[in-house]
Amino acid sequence: MHTARSQFNATLLQDGRVLIAGGVGDGIQPLASAEIYDPNTGKFTKTGSMSIPRVNFTSTLLPDGRVLIAGGDDLGPPTYYASAEIYDHPHRYLHSHRFDARTAQRARRLPAA
C-alpha cells in the first residue's frame, strides 16, 4: 500500500482488482485517499480520493461497475456524514448528499427486478 491504513473498505471490482478506500492513517487521522490493488501483479496504484475522509462507511459494487460509498464518520468527536459518492474508475468521485446521517451502517445491493 502507498498509504498505511486500517479500518478501510475494500470492494472487489468487476475486473478482479480491489478498490481500497478511506480508513485511518498514521496519527489516527481519517483518510480520503484510495488505491487499487491488483492481485495479478501484487501492486497498489493510487486512484482518486473521496471528497471527505471517511471511516465506518459502506462501499457497494453497483451492477454497472461503479462503487457507491455512503455514510461514515470522521472518528471524533464524531461528525456523522449524510453524504454519498460514486467511484467511477479510473479517478472520479461523483458527490451527492441529503439523507439522514449514518455511521457503521450496512449496505447490500438488491437483485434486479
Foldseek 3Di string as FASTA:
>chain_A
DVFDFPQWDWDQFPVRKIKTAWHAGPPRWIFQWIWIADPVVRDIGTAAGHPDGFGQWDWDQDPVRKIKTDWGFGRPPTDIDQWIWIHDPDHDIHIDGDDDGDGNDDDDDDDDD
